[in-house]
Amino acid sequence: MRALLLLLLLPLALGLPLLLLLGGSPAALLGLGCVLLLGLLRALLPRAAPPVDGKAVLITGCDKGFGHALAKQLHAQGFTVFAGCLLTGENGDGARELESITSDRMKVLQLNVCSDQEVAQAVEFVKNNLKEPEKGLWGLVNNAGVSAFGEVEFTSIDKYKEVADVNLWGTVRVTKAFLPLVRRAKGRVVNITSMLGRMASPSRSSYCVSKFGVSAFSDCLRQEMYRWGVRVILIEPSNFVAATGILTPESIEAQAEELWRGASKTVQEDYGKPYFTRQITLMKSFINSGLKDMSLVLNDITDALTSKYPYARYNPMETHWWVRLHVITHLPTAVADWLYIY
């Protein structure tokens, strides 16, 4: 109910002053009223779910975090789950835990989303293990991802490429490979992005670039897939770093050393070590302040896969992040920066 009220009040709060400033023409007021009505109707859409029986879903990045937990949750709900893991065998603790679920509906496979060969092998594995291949693959969840931080002058071009290779090009590669199967099922493509895929943040440019890219790719694909009956859905979580372990104090220290060592002497002198150290401390506090319960994200992904009327975007996040996201994406840039950055 709180989210519904915010959904209705935010356009009102932002739109009415602008309309009054512009003269409050009847056409503009009618347009605003239609937006509010559509928002209300969207929130009231029935969440009826088609039968799960026989449906299969591929999830990338199941070694830990969202992917690992989601594989268990969807399996428990009756889905056949193809759990793609970067590490299998002796080094794959997450893969072994999933394999220990003695069920013919839990199938673990090696899948590095940066490898054309492994993605092609994954497609064949899925085809060969679907009970009814002619019906296709119901769901694809692009979850595999990495995180990074560092101000622009400290971040190397190689780091930008490394992050984008997993987060952006891995999503594109896997999606293109599995789309024929998903189209056959008239199923769902669910891409895990981030609130930082729609609003920028200092010290997170390499991550933001990759996630903004996934958002743009998903928006284009969503429009292309309407004619095929395929739904393309974005999940935009807030700060769940503490829950997923995608960044840890140890990894932050390692990245910080790499950032400082890779910076030019001019950059080191201009910024200074005390400033750099403060930024690292802020990054550590950020990961410690995140949500530790992943259920918001897992339930939204599940709804995206099961609801008869899934949303195009889900925002699993605390209210203050939800408000910030919509303020930054709707207010003039100078105003939003003044509120949150200066």
Protein backbone atom coordinates (compact mmCIF):
# COMPACT_ATOMS: atom_id res chain seq x y z
CA MET A 1 0.00 0.00 0.00
CA ARG A 2 2.87 2.41 0.79
CA ALA A 3 4.40 1.74 -2.63
CA LEU A 4 1.01 2.32 -4.26
CA LEU A 5 0.57 5.67 -2.53
CA LEU A 6 4.07 6.75 -3.52
CA LEU A 7 3.38 5.65 -7.07
CA LEU A 8 0.35 7.91 -7.20
CA LEU A 9 1.70 10.86 -5.24
CA LEU A 10 5.11 11.21 -6.92
CA PRO A 11 3.74 12.11 -10.39
CA LEU A 12 1.26 14.43 -8.65
CA ALA A 13 3.97 16.15 -6.62
CA LEU A 14 6.32 16.52 -9.59
CA GLY A 15 3.76 17.09 -12.31
CA LEU A 16 1.20 19.50 -10.90
CA PRO A 17 3.63 22.37 -10.11
CA LEU A 18 5.02 22.07 -13.63
CA LEU A 19 1.52 22.07 -15.12
CA LEU A 20 0.53 25.14 -13.11
CA LEU A 21 3.73 26.87 -14.16
CA LEU A 22 2.88 26.16 -17.79
CA GLY A 23 -0.65 27.40 -17.39
CA GLY A 24 -2.42 24.18 -16.42
CA SER A 25 -4.04 23.53 -19.79
CA PRO A 26 -6.98 21.07 -19.78
CA ALA A 27 -5.11 18.71 -22.11
CA ALA A 28 -2.10 18.59 -19.80
CA LEU A 29 -4.27 18.02 -16.73
CA LEU A 30 -6.11 15.26 -18.57
CA GLY A 31 -2.79 13.68 -19.48
CA LEU A 32 -1.62 13.73 -15.87
CA GLY A 33 -4.91 12.19 -14.79
CA CYS A 34 -4.45 9.37 -17.30
CA VAL A 35 -0.94 8.71 -15.97
CA LEU A 36 -2.27 8.46 -12.42
CA LEU A 37 -5.09 6.17 -13.53
CA LEU A 38 -2.70 3.89 -15.40
CA GLY A 39 -0.49 3.71 -12.31
CA LEU A 40 -3.45 2.69 -10.19
CA LEU A 41 -4.64 0.08 -12.70
CA ARG A 42 -1.12 -1.35 -12.93
CA ALA A 43 -0.95 -1.77 -9.17
CA LEU A 44 -4.37 -3.46 -9.13
CA LEU A 45 -3.69 -5.96 -11.93
CA PRO A 46 -4.39 -9.53 -10.77
CA ARG A 47 -1.23 -11.46 -9.97
CA ALA A 48 -2.71 -14.72 -11.31
CA ALA A 49 -0.04 -17.26 -12.20
CA PRO A 50 -0.04 -19.82 -15.02
CA PRO A 51 0.61 -23.45 -13.97
CA VAL A 52 4.27 -24.16 -13.21
CA ASP A 53 4.09 -27.84 -14.18
CA GLY A 54 6.58 -28.67 -16.91
CA LYS A 55 8.14 -25.20 -17.06
CA ALA A 56 11.92 -24.89 -17.08
CA VAL A 57 14.14 -21.92 -16.25
CA LEU A 58 17.85 -21.28 -16.85
CA ILE A 59 19.61 -19.09 -14.27
CA THR A 60 23.16 -17.78 -14.67
CA GLY A 61 25.46 -17.04 -11.74
CA CYS A 62 24.18 -19.74 -9.37
CA ASP A 63 27.43 -20.13 -7.43
CA LYS A 64 26.13 -17.86 -4.67
CA GLY A 65 23.92 -14.85 -3.97
CA PHE A 66 20.67 -14.26 -5.81
CA GLY A 67 21.22 -17.01 -8.36
CA HIS A 68 21.95 -19.72 -5.81
CA ALA A 69 18.98 -18.83 -3.62
CA LEU A 70 16.68 -18.41 -6.63
CA ALA A 71 17.56 -21.85 -7.98
CA LYS A 72 16.43 -23.39 -4.69
CA GLN A 73 13.27 -21.27 -4.49
CA LEU A 74 12.11 -22.00 -8.05
CA HIS A 75 12.87 -25.69 -7.66
CA ALA A 76 10.78 -25.78 -4.48
CA GLN A 77 7.91 -24.24 -6.45
CA GLY A 78 7.98 -26.99 -9.06
CA PHE A 79 10.14 -25.54 -11.83
CA THR A 80 12.82 -27.51 -13.60
CA VAL A 81 15.93 -25.43 -12.93
CA PHE A 82 19.06 -25.28 -15.06
CA ALA A 83 21.55 -23.71 -12.67
CA GLY A 84 24.52 -22.22 -14.49
CA CYS A 85 27.64 -21.99 -12.32
CA LEU A 86 31.01 -20.45 -13.11
CA LEU A 87 32.73 -23.03 -10.92
CA THR A 88 31.87 -26.70 -10.82
CA GLY A 89 33.71 -29.74 -9.52
CA GLU A 90 36.10 -29.47 -6.58
CA ASN A 91 36.16 -25.67 -6.50
CA GLY A 92 32.43 -25.22 -6.95
CA ASP A 93 30.94 -25.16 -3.44
CA GLY A 94 27.71 -23.59 -4.66
CA ALA A 95 27.37 -26.03 -7.54
CA ARG A 96 27.96 -29.01 -5.24
CA GLU A 97 25.30 -27.79 -2.82
CA LEU A 98 22.75 -27.55 -5.62
CA GLU A 99 23.78 -30.95 -6.97
CA SER A 100 23.13 -32.42 -3.54
CA ILE A 101 19.42 -31.73 -4.09
CA THR A 102 18.46 -35.16 -5.33
CA SER A 103 15.92 -34.25 -7.97
CA ASP A 104 15.66 -34.64 -11.71
CA ARG A 105 14.36 -31.04 -11.78
CA MET A 106 17.66 -29.54 -10.54
CA LYS A 107 20.30 -29.64 -13.26
CA VAL A 108 23.65 -27.93 -12.63
CA LEU A 109 25.85 -26.98 -15.56
CA GLN A 110 29.16 -25.24 -16.16
CA LEU A 111 28.48 -21.76 -17.56
CA ASN A 112 30.92 -18.89 -17.92
CA VAL A 113 28.84 -16.15 -19.55
CA CYS A 114 32.00 -14.66 -21.08
CA SER A 115 32.71 -17.82 -23.08
CA ASP A 116 31.05 -18.38 -26.46
CA GLN A 117 31.95 -22.05 -26.25
CA GLU A 118 30.44 -22.62 -22.80
CA VAL A 119 27.27 -20.73 -23.71
CA ALA A 120 26.86 -22.84 -26.86
CA GLN A 121 27.41 -26.00 -24.82
CA ALA A 122 24.82 -24.79 -22.31
CA VAL A 123 22.23 -24.40 -25.08
CA GLU A 124 22.82 -27.99 -26.19
CA PHE A 125 22.67 -29.24 -22.60
CA VAL A 126 19.33 -27.52 -22.06
CA LYS A 127 17.90 -28.81 -25.34
CA ASN A 128 18.97 -32.35 -24.51
CA ASN A 129 17.51 -32.21 -21.00
CA LEU A 130 14.18 -30.54 -21.62
CA LYS A 131 11.36 -33.06 -21.27
CA GLU A 132 9.54 -31.45 -24.19
CA PRO A 133 12.12 -29.51 -26.23
CA GLU A 134 9.52 -28.60 -28.83
CA LYS A 135 7.79 -26.44 -26.19
CA GLY A 136 10.97 -24.46 -25.55
CA LEU A 137 12.39 -22.86 -22.40
CA TRP A 138 9.97 -20.87 -20.27
CA GLY A 139 12.40 -18.60 -18.48
CA LEU A 140 15.90 -17.15 -18.74
CA VAL A 141 17.27 -15.26 -15.72
CA ASN A 142 20.45 -13.32 -16.49
CA ASN A 143 21.82 -12.98 -12.99
CA ALA A 144 25.60 -13.48 -13.35
CA GLY A 145 27.44 -10.30 -12.48
CA VAL A 146 30.44 -8.67 -10.85
CA SER A 147 30.81 -5.39 -8.99
CA ALA A 148 33.54 -2.78 -8.89
CA PHE A 149 34.17 0.73 -7.62
CA GLY A 150 36.61 3.56 -8.09
CA GLU A 151 36.50 7.13 -9.35
CA VAL A 152 37.01 7.59 -13.09
CA GLU A 153 40.63 8.76 -12.85
CA PHE A 154 41.53 5.72 -10.77
CA THR A 155 39.69 3.16 -12.91
CA SER A 156 41.63 1.56 -15.75
CA ILE A 157 40.18 0.88 -19.18
CA ASP A 158 40.81 -2.83 -18.53
CA LYS A 159 38.56 -2.64 -15.45
CA TYR A 160 35.76 -1.05 -17.48
CA LYS A 161 36.09 -3.87 -20.03
CA GLU A 162 36.27 -6.57 -17.36
CA VAL A 163 33.06 -5.46 -15.64
CA ALA A 164 31.17 -4.94 -18.91
CA ASP A 165 32.29 -8.33 -20.25
CA VAL A 166 30.38 -10.09 -17.48
CA ASN A 167 27.50 -7.75 -16.70
CA LEU A 168 26.65 -6.45 -20.17
CA TRP A 169 28.15 -8.66 -22.86
CA GLY A 170 27.52 -11.81 -20.81
CA THR A 171 23.83 -10.87 -20.64
CA VAL A 172 23.72 -10.15 -24.38
CA ARG A 173 25.59 -13.36 -25.26
CA VAL A 174 23.40 -15.66 -23.17
CA THR A 175 20.17 -13.95 -24.23
CA LYS A 176 20.93 -14.21 -27.95
CA ALA A 177 21.84 -17.89 -27.55
CA PHE A 178 18.66 -18.87 -25.69
CA LEU A 179 16.10 -16.57 -27.36
CA PRO A 180 14.97 -19.17 -29.94
CA LEU A 181 14.03 -21.54 -27.10
CA VAL A 182 12.34 -18.78 -25.09
CA ARG A 183 10.41 -17.58 -28.16
CA ARG A 184 9.17 -21.11 -28.74
CA ALA A 185 7.71 -21.14 -25.23
CA LYS A 186 6.43 -17.53 -25.43
CA GLY A 187 8.25 -17.24 -22.14
CA ARG A 188 10.16 -14.71 -20.05
CA VAL A 189 13.60 -13.07 -20.12
CA VAL A 190 14.43 -11.63 -16.69
CA ASN A 191 17.54 -9.46 -16.49
CA ILE A 192 18.99 -8.51 -13.12
CA THR A 193 20.31 -4.96 -13.30
CA SER A 194 20.45 -2.52 -10.39
CA MET A 195 19.15 0.83 -9.24
CA LEU A 196 22.56 1.93 -10.58
CA GLY A 197 21.34 0.92 -14.02
CA ARG A 198 19.08 3.98 -13.98
CA MET A 199 20.83 6.46 -11.68
CA ALA A 200 24.53 7.19 -11.60
CA SER A 201 26.68 7.25 -8.49
CA PRO A 202 30.16 8.65 -7.78
CA SER A 203 32.90 6.00 -7.65
CA ARG A 204 30.73 3.42 -9.44
CA SER A 205 31.18 4.38 -13.10
CA SER A 206 32.42 0.99 -14.35
CA TYR A 207 29.47 -0.76 -12.71
CA CYS A 208 26.95 1.90 -13.81
CA VAL A 209 28.14 1.77 -17.42
CA SER A 210 27.55 -1.97 -17.53
CA LYS A 211 24.15 -1.84 -15.84
CA PHE A 212 22.89 1.14 -17.87
CA GLY A 213 23.85 -0.96 -20.89
CA VAL A 214 21.80 -3.92 -19.67
CA SER A 215 18.82 -1.61 -19.13
CA ALA A 216 19.06 -0.22 -22.67
CA PHE A 217 19.49 -3.71 -24.14
CA SER A 218 16.49 -4.96 -22.19
CA ASP A 219 14.28 -2.03 -23.25
CA CYS A 220 15.10 -2.62 -26.92
CA LEU A 221 14.58 -6.37 -26.61
CA ARG A 222 11.27 -5.90 -24.78
CA GLN A 223 9.93 -3.87 -27.69
CA GLU A 224 11.18 -6.40 -30.24
CA MET A 225 9.70 -9.38 -28.39
CA TYR A 226 6.10 -8.17 -28.07
CA ARG A 227 5.25 -9.72 -31.44
CA TRP A 228 6.53 -13.08 -30.22
CA GLY A 229 4.59 -13.07 -26.96
CA VAL A 230 7.81 -12.97 -24.92
CA ARG A 231 7.99 -10.73 -21.84
CA VAL A 232 11.32 -9.02 -21.09
CA ILE A 233 11.58 -7.86 -17.50
CA LEU A 234 14.11 -5.85 -15.49
CA ILE A 235 14.84 -6.38 -11.80
CA GLU A 236 16.50 -3.29 -10.30
CA PRO A 237 17.60 -4.05 -6.72
CA SER A 238 19.06 -1.51 -4.32
CA ASN A 239 21.98 -2.34 -2.02
CA PHE A 240 22.04 -6.09 -1.32
CA VAL A 241 25.83 -6.36 -1.25
CA ALA A 242 25.80 -7.67 2.32
CA ALA A 243 23.37 -10.43 1.33
CA THR A 244 25.07 -11.56 -1.88
CA GLY A 245 28.73 -11.15 -0.97
CA ILE A 246 29.42 -9.61 -4.39
CA LEU A 247 31.74 -7.22 -2.55
CA THR A 248 33.48 -7.91 0.76
CA PRO A 249 35.82 -5.85 2.95
CA GLU A 250 38.67 -8.04 1.69
CA SER A 251 37.81 -7.54 -1.97
CA ILE A 252 37.45 -3.80 -1.38
CA GLU A 253 40.95 -3.66 0.12
CA ALA A 254 42.33 -5.61 -2.84
CA GLN A 255 40.58 -3.36 -5.37
CA ALA A 256 41.70 -0.25 -3.47
CA GLU A 257 45.34 -1.34 -3.67
CA GLU A 258 44.94 -1.98 -7.40
CA LEU A 259 43.29 1.41 -7.94
CA TRP A 260 45.98 3.36 -6.10
CA ARG A 261 48.85 1.43 -7.66
CA GLY A 262 47.42 1.88 -11.17
CA ALA A 263 46.86 5.63 -10.88
CA SER A 264 49.33 8.05 -12.37
CA LYS A 265 51.61 10.06 -10.12
CA THR A 266 49.69 13.21 -11.06
CA VAL A 267 46.37 11.69 -10.01
CA GLN A 268 47.87 10.39 -6.74
CA GLU A 269 49.27 13.82 -5.89
CA ASP A 270 46.17 15.78 -6.91
CA TYR A 271 43.69 13.63 -4.99
CA GLY A 272 45.98 12.71 -2.09
CA LYS A 273 46.09 9.53 -0.06
CA PRO A 274 43.86 10.87 2.80
CA TYR A 275 41.01 11.57 0.35
CA PHE A 276 41.46 8.17 -1.31
CA THR A 277 41.40 6.44 2.07
CA ARG A 278 38.17 8.22 3.05
CA GLN A 279 36.53 6.99 -0.17
CA ILE A 280 37.51 3.42 0.62
CA THR A 281 36.06 3.79 4.12
CA LEU A 282 32.79 5.07 2.62
CA MET A 283 32.68 2.07 0.28
CA LYS A 284 33.08 -0.29 3.22
CA SER A 285 30.26 1.43 5.07
CA PHE A 286 28.07 1.11 1.96
CA ILE A 287 28.37 -2.67 1.83
CA ASN A 288 27.71 -2.97 5.56
CA SER A 289 24.55 -0.87 5.31
CA GLY A 290 22.85 -3.04 2.69
CA LEU A 291 19.89 -5.35 3.18
CA LYS A 292 20.80 -8.85 4.33
CA ASP A 293 17.49 -10.50 3.41
CA MET A 294 17.28 -11.41 -0.29
CA SER A 295 13.57 -12.27 -0.22
CA LEU A 296 12.49 -8.95 -1.79
CA VAL A 297 14.57 -9.71 -4.88
CA LEU A 298 13.78 -13.42 -5.02
CA ASN A 299 10.04 -12.81 -4.74
CA ASP A 300 10.10 -10.18 -7.49
CA ILE A 301 11.99 -12.50 -9.84
CA THR A 302 9.54 -15.28 -9.04
CA ASP A 303 6.61 -12.97 -9.76
CA ALA A 304 8.23 -11.94 -13.05
CA LEU A 305 8.38 -15.60 -14.05
CA THR A 306 4.98 -16.68 -12.77
CA SER A 307 2.56 -13.77 -12.94
CA LYS A 308 0.11 -13.60 -15.81
CA TYR A 309 0.75 -9.85 -15.93
CA PRO A 310 4.40 -9.26 -14.93
CA TYR A 311 5.66 -5.70 -14.61
CA ALA A 312 8.28 -4.43 -17.06
CA ARG A 313 10.39 -3.28 -14.09
CA TYR A 314 10.59 -4.35 -10.47
CA ASN A 315 12.27 -2.23 -7.78
CA PRO A 316 13.10 -4.39 -4.75
CA MET A 317 14.44 -1.74 -2.40
CA GLU A 318 13.80 0.30 0.70
CA THR A 319 11.45 3.27 0.42
CA HIS A 320 14.24 5.88 0.64
CA TRP A 321 16.06 4.31 -2.32
CA TRP A 322 12.79 4.06 -4.28
CA VAL A 323 12.13 7.77 -3.74
CA ARG A 324 15.71 8.69 -4.65
CA LEU A 325 15.56 6.60 -7.84
CA HIS A 326 12.41 8.32 -9.05
CA VAL A 327 13.49 11.80 -8.00
CA ILE A 328 16.78 11.42 -9.88
CA THR A 329 15.15 10.00 -12.98
CA HIS A 330 12.28 12.52 -13.13
CA LEU A 331 13.55 15.84 -11.79
CA PRO A 332 15.86 18.09 -13.84
CA THR A 333 19.43 16.84 -13.53
CA ALA A 334 20.73 19.99 -11.84
CA VAL A 335 18.03 19.76 -9.16
CA ALA A 336 18.61 16.04 -8.54
CA ASP A 337 22.38 16.55 -8.26
CA TRP A 338 21.84 19.43 -5.83
CA LEU A 339 19.62 17.22 -3.64
CA TYR A 340 21.82 14.13 -3.55
CA ILE A 341 25.35 14.86 -4.73
CA TYR A 342 26.53 18.39 -3.82
